Amino acid sequence: MASLSVKLRIIQGTHLRGILLRPLASSIAAPASERHASSQHQSLMPRGTGGRSSFNGVVAAVFGSTGFLGRYVVNRLGREGSQVMIPYRCEPYFLNHLKLMGDLGQMLFREFHLKDRERLREIVRHCNVVINLLGQDYETKNFAFEDIHIEFPRTLASVAKEENVGTFIHMSALGASMDSRSKFLRTKAAGEDVVRDVFPEAVIFRPAQMVGAEDRYFNHFANQRFFGGVPLFMDAWDTVKRPVFVIDVAKAVLAAVKDGELCGNTIDLAGPRGYTLPDLVDFIYRVTRRPYVRYPVPRPILRMAAAFFERSPFMPWMSRDILELQHSTEEVNPDSMQFSDIGITPEPIEECAITVLRRHRSDRYFDLGIDDIEPAPSIK
């Protein structure tokens, strides 16, 4: 009898823990009033104790999940117990790292085409969150900036609206403006407008250029030493950059998934400090402990050289628009929400740069820290 009573207490305790922990697992799911009818099925009810092996009620379609930011967003969703639909246009080989970010059956893969509206409908039909991270900083013969940054967001937002998706998240760019020299930023600004027109409740993020292990920002400048130095426009000292750590942007996306009150807002995501572009390049090479030469070049000449690299049949190392994007000042709109409004403290570049740039050091300096490196002069 004693052993039986012990077993009963264990079973009751386990049941009690399940009752107590279930609200924790369901706390990040969207409210029932904001989820469409298909999400009310029993199979979509939150279950488990939280973590990758549970289900929190969020079914998210992440477009652009194979890109730079996408892998961090998928990982954050997976660790919270979300089921993630991963649409892709690449070879399946490039999806292998995403398969490990959730438990068996939590990462779902579906091939799609940007202009196939019915396939998009099939993907988002059973989702209560749709996240658009698609974007590229160069054009191809198949897809121009307008196709990626304007037409696809319009189509996706329209389909999501028709399917009564509760939360739509769109990724734009800080500095997006129709007056920008960069076509990338002009089309990003137009993309914000079409998304807001079609899906007024959308959450629009406007991150500064992001820094991370796979970026085309700090790594790009660090690799320019192989070409004899870092050429910059002659007015580069007038350019102020506010680089932001990619993990902080992924945290912000997850905050929008959790908090339905953010719907309808535009959120600027910038690093805590600003730097002039030449000072930022100097800091990059101090961290890598590599010598380099920085030299000013007239804009027409440097654009002519970039036009040569645009002819590459592969991903271009440089383009005229990338040059304009690098030399575009990033300003935060005081009327927009920022990191502090969603409870996130962004990491300073001085602390996270080593995780990106250590790979560019020689063996002699590889294991050294960054405590003795002078930080870049910052601008508020």
Protein backbone atom coordinates (compact mmCIF):
# COMPACT_ATOMS: atom_id res chain seq x y z
CA MET A 1 0.00 0.00 0.00
CA ALA A 2 2.84 2.37 0.82
CA SER A 3 4.42 1.90 -2.59
CA LEU A 4 1.03 2.42 -4.27
CA SER A 5 0.46 5.69 -2.43
CA VAL A 6 3.93 6.89 -3.45
CA LYS A 7 3.17 6.12 -7.10
CA LEU A 8 -0.15 7.98 -6.85
CA ARG A 9 1.61 11.03 -5.41
CA ILE A 10 4.18 10.94 -8.22
CA ILE A 11 1.44 10.72 -10.85
CA GLN A 12 -0.51 13.54 -9.20
CA GLY A 13 2.62 15.66 -8.97
CA THR A 14 3.41 15.08 -12.63
CA HIS A 15 -0.15 16.02 -13.56
CA LEU A 16 0.08 19.14 -11.42
CA ARG A 17 3.35 20.19 -13.06
CA GLY A 18 1.71 19.76 -16.45
CA ILE A 19 -1.14 22.03 -15.39
CA LEU A 20 1.28 24.66 -14.08
CA LEU A 21 3.63 24.59 -17.04
CA ARG A 22 1.05 24.51 -19.81
CA PRO A 23 0.26 28.22 -19.47
CA LEU A 24 3.97 28.94 -19.81
CA ALA A 25 4.08 27.08 -23.11
CA SER A 26 0.96 28.79 -24.39
CA SER A 27 1.88 32.28 -23.23
CA ILE A 28 3.73 33.12 -26.45
CA ALA A 29 0.96 31.90 -28.72
CA ALA A 30 -1.22 34.52 -30.35
CA PRO A 31 -4.53 35.22 -28.59
CA ALA A 32 -7.43 33.11 -29.81
CA SER A 33 -9.24 36.19 -31.07
CA GLU A 34 -6.32 36.97 -33.38
CA ARG A 35 -5.94 33.50 -34.86
CA HIS A 36 -8.00 32.44 -37.85
CA ALA A 37 -10.37 29.49 -37.80
CA SER A 38 -7.90 26.89 -39.06
CA SER A 39 -5.69 27.43 -36.01
CA GLN A 40 -8.45 26.33 -33.60
CA HIS A 41 -8.04 22.67 -34.51
CA GLN A 42 -7.08 20.38 -31.65
CA SER A 43 -3.76 19.56 -33.32
CA LEU A 44 -2.76 23.23 -33.04
CA MET A 45 -3.40 23.59 -29.32
CA PRO A 46 -0.26 24.32 -27.23
CA ARG A 47 1.21 21.29 -25.51
CA GLY A 48 4.40 20.32 -23.74
CA THR A 49 6.56 22.04 -21.15
CA GLY A 50 8.28 24.53 -23.46
CA GLY A 51 11.39 24.22 -25.61
CA ARG A 52 12.14 22.59 -28.92
CA SER A 53 10.32 19.36 -28.08
CA SER A 54 7.03 21.10 -27.28
CA PHE A 55 4.48 23.09 -29.28
CA ASN A 56 3.49 26.61 -28.26
CA GLY A 57 0.61 27.12 -30.71
CA VAL A 58 2.55 29.30 -33.17
CA VAL A 59 2.67 28.09 -36.77
CA ALA A 60 4.92 30.50 -38.67
CA ALA A 61 5.79 30.68 -42.34
CA VAL A 62 9.23 32.29 -42.70
CA PHE A 63 9.95 33.48 -46.23
CA GLY A 64 13.67 34.10 -46.63
CA SER A 65 14.57 31.56 -43.96
CA THR A 66 17.62 30.38 -45.93
CA GLY A 67 19.13 33.87 -45.88
CA PHE A 68 21.39 35.67 -43.44
CA LEU A 69 18.73 36.81 -40.95
CA GLY A 70 16.40 33.89 -41.65
CA ARG A 71 18.48 31.22 -39.94
CA TYR A 72 18.53 33.21 -36.70
CA VAL A 73 14.77 33.81 -36.77
CA VAL A 74 14.02 30.13 -37.46
CA ASN A 75 16.32 29.09 -34.63
CA ARG A 76 14.60 31.45 -32.19
CA LEU A 77 11.18 30.18 -33.23
CA GLY A 78 12.29 26.56 -32.96
CA ARG A 79 13.71 26.92 -29.46
CA GLU A 80 10.35 28.33 -28.29
CA GLY A 81 8.47 25.30 -29.64
CA SER A 82 6.99 26.90 -32.75
CA GLN A 83 6.16 24.93 -35.86
CA VAL A 84 7.92 26.58 -38.79
CA MET A 85 6.98 26.37 -42.43
CA ILE A 86 10.13 26.99 -44.49
CA PRO A 87 9.44 27.94 -48.13
CA TYR A 88 12.56 27.68 -50.27
CA ARG A 89 13.81 28.29 -53.81
CA CYS A 90 17.30 26.83 -53.43
CA GLU A 91 18.80 23.36 -53.60
CA PRO A 92 17.61 21.16 -50.69
CA TYR A 93 21.26 20.77 -49.66
CA PHE A 94 21.20 24.36 -48.36
CA LEU A 95 18.38 23.52 -45.92
CA ASN A 96 20.29 20.98 -43.85
CA HIS A 97 21.23 23.38 -41.06
CA LEU A 98 17.57 24.40 -40.63
CA LYS A 99 16.40 20.82 -40.06
CA LEU A 100 18.21 20.75 -36.71
CA MET A 101 16.51 23.85 -35.31
CA GLY A 102 13.31 22.09 -34.21
CA ASP A 103 12.07 18.70 -33.12
CA LEU A 104 10.93 16.04 -35.57
CA GLY A 105 7.96 17.35 -37.54
CA GLN A 106 8.38 20.96 -36.41
CA MET A 107 10.40 22.13 -39.42
CA LEU A 108 8.32 21.79 -42.60
CA PHE A 109 9.79 22.53 -46.04
CA ARG A 110 7.93 23.57 -49.18
CA GLU A 111 9.31 24.69 -52.53
CA PHE A 112 7.72 27.82 -53.99
CA HIS A 113 8.01 30.50 -56.65
CA LEU A 114 7.65 34.22 -56.06
CA LYS A 115 4.89 34.58 -58.64
CA ASP A 116 2.93 31.41 -57.84
CA ARG A 117 0.04 32.85 -55.86
CA GLU A 118 -1.71 29.53 -55.28
CA ARG A 119 1.42 27.93 -53.87
CA LEU A 120 1.77 30.87 -51.48
CA ARG A 121 -1.82 30.32 -50.42
CA GLU A 122 -1.14 26.65 -49.68
CA ILE A 123 1.85 27.60 -47.54
CA VAL A 124 0.15 30.26 -45.37
CA ARG A 125 -3.29 28.64 -45.15
CA HIS A 126 -2.67 26.93 -41.81
CA CYS A 127 -0.27 29.53 -40.38
CA ASN A 128 -1.13 32.17 -37.80
CA VAL A 129 2.13 34.08 -38.37
CA VAL A 130 3.73 35.03 -41.70
CA ILE A 131 7.21 36.57 -41.74
CA ASN A 132 8.71 38.08 -44.89
CA LEU A 133 12.50 38.35 -44.72
CA LEU A 134 13.15 38.21 -48.46
CA GLY A 135 15.61 40.76 -49.73
CA GLN A 136 18.81 40.98 -51.73
CA ASP A 137 21.35 43.71 -52.37
CA TYR A 138 21.91 42.94 -56.06
CA GLU A 139 19.72 42.28 -59.08
CA THR A 140 19.76 39.23 -61.32
CA LYS A 141 18.50 38.55 -64.83
CA ASN A 142 15.49 36.75 -63.31
CA PHE A 143 14.55 39.06 -60.45
CA ALA A 144 14.95 42.82 -60.16
CA PHE A 145 14.71 44.78 -56.93
CA GLU A 146 11.08 45.58 -57.75
CA ASP A 147 10.19 41.88 -57.93
CA ILE A 148 11.75 41.05 -54.54
CA HIS A 149 11.00 44.19 -52.54
CA ILE A 150 7.66 45.39 -53.97
CA GLU A 151 5.70 42.84 -55.98
CA PHE A 152 6.35 39.83 -53.76
CA PRO A 153 5.50 41.63 -50.48
CA ARG A 154 2.30 42.90 -52.10
CA THR A 155 1.31 39.40 -53.22
CA LEU A 156 2.24 37.75 -49.91
CA ALA A 157 0.44 40.38 -47.81
CA SER A 158 -2.65 40.04 -50.01
CA VAL A 159 -2.70 36.24 -49.66
CA ALA A 160 -2.12 36.48 -45.89
CA LYS A 161 -5.00 38.96 -45.59
CA GLU A 162 -7.32 36.69 -47.57
CA GLU A 163 -6.40 33.72 -45.36
CA ASN A 164 -7.03 35.73 -42.15
CA VAL A 165 -3.47 35.38 -40.86
CA GLY A 166 -3.24 36.99 -37.43
CA THR A 167 0.30 38.43 -37.56
CA PHE A 168 2.18 39.61 -40.64
CA ILE A 169 5.80 40.75 -40.19
CA HIS A 170 7.69 42.52 -42.97
CA MET A 171 11.41 43.29 -42.98
CA SER A 172 12.41 46.57 -44.60
CA ALA A 173 15.61 48.60 -44.06
CA LEU A 174 16.66 51.61 -42.03
CA GLY A 175 17.12 54.56 -44.35
CA ALA A 176 14.55 53.32 -46.84
CA SER A 177 13.40 56.38 -48.76
CA MET A 178 12.25 57.26 -52.25
CA ASP A 179 14.92 60.01 -52.24
CA SER A 180 17.84 57.63 -51.63
CA ARG A 181 20.64 57.16 -54.16
CA SER A 182 20.38 53.40 -53.57
CA LYS A 183 17.78 51.53 -55.59
CA PHE A 184 17.74 48.92 -52.82
CA LEU A 185 16.53 51.52 -50.32
CA ARG A 186 14.06 53.08 -52.77
CA THR A 187 12.37 49.76 -53.48
CA LYS A 188 12.37 48.90 -49.77
CA ALA A 189 10.49 52.15 -49.11
CA ALA A 190 7.96 51.31 -51.83
CA GLY A 191 7.60 47.83 -50.34
CA GLU A 192 6.68 49.32 -46.95
CA ASP A 193 3.92 51.36 -48.58
CA VAL A 194 2.34 48.44 -50.45
CA VAL A 195 2.43 46.20 -47.38
CA ARG A 196 0.82 48.89 -45.22
CA ASP A 197 -1.89 49.44 -47.87
CA VAL A 198 -2.74 45.74 -48.22
CA PHE A 199 -2.21 44.64 -44.59
CA PRO A 200 -2.59 47.71 -42.30
CA GLU A 201 -1.99 45.62 -39.16
CA ALA A 202 1.44 44.44 -40.37
CA VAL A 203 4.52 44.89 -38.19
CA ILE A 204 7.27 46.52 -40.26
CA PHE A 205 10.86 46.32 -39.05
CA ARG A 206 13.49 48.72 -40.41
CA PRO A 207 16.89 47.36 -39.29
CA ALA A 208 20.20 49.07 -39.94
CA GLN A 209 22.80 47.04 -41.81
CA MET A 210 23.24 43.87 -39.78
CA VAL A 211 26.46 42.37 -38.44
CA GLY A 212 26.92 38.63 -38.06
CA ALA A 213 29.11 35.69 -38.95
CA GLU A 214 27.60 35.38 -42.45
CA ASP A 215 27.16 39.09 -43.20
CA ARG A 216 28.15 41.00 -46.34
CA TYR A 217 29.05 44.07 -44.27
CA PHE A 218 31.97 43.69 -41.86
CA ASN A 219 33.21 40.61 -43.72
CA HIS A 220 33.08 42.55 -46.97
CA PHE A 221 35.27 45.37 -45.65
CA ALA A 222 37.67 42.89 -44.01
CA ASN A 223 38.11 41.01 -47.29
CA GLN A 224 38.93 44.16 -49.24
CA ARG A 225 42.51 43.95 -48.00
CA PHE A 226 43.07 41.37 -50.78
CA PHE A 227 42.38 44.10 -53.33
CA GLY A 228 44.98 46.54 -52.07
CA GLY A 229 42.90 48.47 -49.57
CA VAL A 230 39.47 49.92 -48.91
CA PRO A 231 38.27 52.46 -51.46
CA LEU A 232 35.61 54.88 -50.19
CA PHE A 233 33.79 57.81 -51.70
CA MET A 234 35.44 61.14 -51.04
CA ASP A 235 32.45 62.24 -48.93
CA ALA A 236 32.51 59.07 -46.77
CA TRP A 237 33.14 61.16 -43.63
CA ASP A 238 29.57 62.46 -43.95
CA THR A 239 28.14 58.91 -43.76
CA VAL A 240 26.94 57.76 -40.33
CA LYS A 241 26.32 54.04 -39.82
CA ARG A 242 24.51 52.38 -36.91
CA PRO A 243 25.29 48.66 -37.32
CA VAL A 244 23.09 46.25 -35.41
CA PHE A 245 23.83 42.68 -34.30
CA VAL A 246 21.75 40.16 -36.25
CA ILE A 247 20.76 38.23 -33.11
CA ASP A 248 19.17 41.38 -31.67
CA VAL A 249 17.06 41.72 -34.83
CA ALA A 250 15.97 38.07 -34.51
CA LYS A 251 14.94 38.77 -30.90
CA ALA A 252 12.83 41.68 -32.10
CA VAL A 253 11.05 39.49 -34.66
CA LEU A 254 10.25 36.94 -31.95
CA ALA A 255 8.93 39.75 -29.73
CA ALA A 256 6.50 40.71 -32.51
CA VAL A 257 5.36 37.09 -32.77
CA LYS A 258 4.65 37.00 -29.04
CA ASP A 259 3.12 40.46 -28.58
CA GLY A 260 -0.01 41.14 -30.60
CA GLU A 261 -0.02 44.76 -29.42
CA LEU A 262 2.85 45.54 -31.80
CA CYS A 263 0.62 44.98 -34.83
CA GLY A 264 0.35 48.04 -37.05
CA ASN A 265 3.65 49.57 -35.87
CA THR A 266 6.85 50.45 -37.68
CA ILE A 267 9.93 49.65 -35.60
CA ASP A 268 13.43 51.04 -36.31
CA LEU A 269 16.20 48.68 -35.24
CA ALA A 270 19.55 50.44 -34.97
CA GLY A 271 22.66 49.78 -32.94
CA PRO A 272 23.14 51.75 -29.72
CA ARG A 273 25.88 53.93 -31.27
CA GLY A 274 26.59 55.64 -34.55
CA TYR A 275 29.95 55.81 -36.36
CA THR A 276 31.28 57.59 -39.39
CA LEU A 277 32.07 55.09 -42.13
CA PRO A 278 35.88 55.67 -42.14
CA ASP A 279 36.02 55.27 -38.34
CA LEU A 280 34.04 52.04 -38.61
CA VAL A 281 36.44 50.65 -41.23
CA ASP A 282 39.40 51.60 -39.01
CA PHE A 283 37.80 49.71 -36.12
CA ILE A 284 37.23 46.63 -38.27
CA TYR A 285 40.93 46.42 -39.13
CA ARG A 286 42.00 47.04 -35.54
CA VAL A 287 39.92 44.03 -34.50
CA THR A 288 41.35 41.86 -37.30
CA ARG A 289 44.88 43.16 -36.52
CA ARG A 290 45.56 43.54 -40.22
CA PRO A 291 47.26 46.47 -41.95
CA TYR A 292 45.26 48.18 -44.66
CA VAL A 293 45.15 51.27 -46.82
CA ARG A 294 42.07 53.49 -46.95
CA TYR A 295 41.96 55.82 -49.92
CA PRO A 296 39.27 58.20 -51.21
CA VAL A 297 38.09 57.74 -54.78
CA PRO A 298 35.81 60.04 -56.79
CA ARG A 299 32.29 58.64 -57.01
CA PRO A 300 32.18 58.21 -60.84
CA ILE A 301 35.46 56.27 -60.90
CA LEU A 302 34.51 53.94 -58.07
CA ARG A 303 31.09 53.32 -59.59
CA MET A 304 32.76 52.47 -62.89
CA ALA A 305 34.93 49.86 -61.15
CA ALA A 306 31.86 48.42 -59.38
CA ALA A 307 30.05 48.12 -62.71
CA PHE A 308 32.80 45.72 -63.83
CA PHE A 309 32.09 43.38 -60.89
CA GLU A 310 28.38 43.43 -61.71
CA ARG A 311 29.14 41.37 -64.82
CA SER A 312 30.03 38.35 -62.71
CA PRO A 313 27.77 35.33 -63.44
CA PHE A 314 27.84 34.55 -59.69
CA MET A 315 27.00 36.64 -56.65
CA PRO A 316 28.75 39.95 -57.36
CA TRP A 317 31.46 40.95 -54.93
CA MET A 318 30.57 44.59 -55.52
CA SER A 319 27.94 46.56 -57.40
CA ARG A 320 27.12 50.22 -57.88
CA ASP A 321 24.08 49.89 -55.67
CA ILE A 322 26.04 48.18 -52.89
CA LEU A 323 28.41 51.16 -52.94
CA GLU A 324 25.50 53.57 -52.56
CA LEU A 325 24.04 51.44 -49.77
CA GLN A 326 27.35 51.42 -47.90
CA HIS A 327 27.57 55.20 -48.14
CA SER A 328 23.95 55.86 -47.05
CA THR A 329 23.49 57.45 -43.64
CA GLU A 330 21.26 55.51 -41.25
CA GLU A 331 18.94 57.76 -39.23
CA VAL A 332 16.35 56.61 -36.72
CA ASN A 333 12.88 58.11 -37.08
CA PRO A 334 11.97 59.61 -33.66
CA ASP A 335 8.29 58.83 -34.30
CA SER A 336 8.95 55.09 -34.77
CA MET A 337 9.28 52.47 -32.06
CA GLN A 338 12.78 51.24 -31.24
CA PHE A 339 14.50 48.42 -29.35
CA SER A 340 13.76 50.01 -25.98
CA ASP A 341 10.01 50.00 -26.70
CA ILE A 342 9.96 46.20 -27.07
CA GLY A 343 12.19 45.46 -24.09
CA ILE A 344 15.44 44.63 -25.92
CA THR A 345 18.88 46.09 -25.22
CA PRO A 346 20.98 45.89 -28.40
CA GLU A 347 24.55 44.69 -28.07
CA PRO A 348 27.27 47.25 -28.90
CA ILE A 349 29.41 46.47 -31.91
CA GLU A 350 32.52 46.72 -29.73
CA GLU A 351 31.39 43.57 -27.91
CA CYS A 352 30.11 41.43 -30.78
CA ALA A 353 32.56 42.37 -33.57
CA ILE A 354 35.10 39.77 -32.44
CA THR A 355 32.62 36.94 -33.14
CA VAL A 356 32.43 38.12 -36.75
CA LEU A 357 35.99 39.22 -37.44
CA ARG A 358 38.15 36.69 -35.59
CA ARG A 359 38.21 34.52 -38.72
CA HIS A 360 40.12 37.28 -40.54
CA ARG A 361 43.02 37.28 -38.08
CA SER A 362 46.33 35.55 -38.63
CA ASP A 363 47.31 32.57 -36.46
CA ARG A 364 49.51 34.80 -34.35
CA TYR A 365 46.60 36.90 -33.08
CA PHE A 366 43.70 34.48 -33.44
CA ASP A 367 43.13 33.75 -29.73
CA LEU A 368 43.61 37.29 -28.45
CA GLY A 369 40.63 39.22 -27.12
CA ILE A 370 39.57 42.77 -27.88
CA ASP A 371 40.16 44.39 -24.49
CA ASP A 372 43.21 46.29 -25.71
CA ILE A 373 41.58 47.50 -28.94
CA GLU A 374 40.56 51.13 -29.03
CA PRO A 375 36.83 51.41 -29.79
CA ALA A 376 35.63 53.46 -32.74
CA PRO A 377 34.65 57.08 -31.99
CA SER A 378 30.87 57.06 -31.70
CA ILE A 379 28.23 59.58 -32.65
CA LYS A 380 24.91 59.83 -30.83
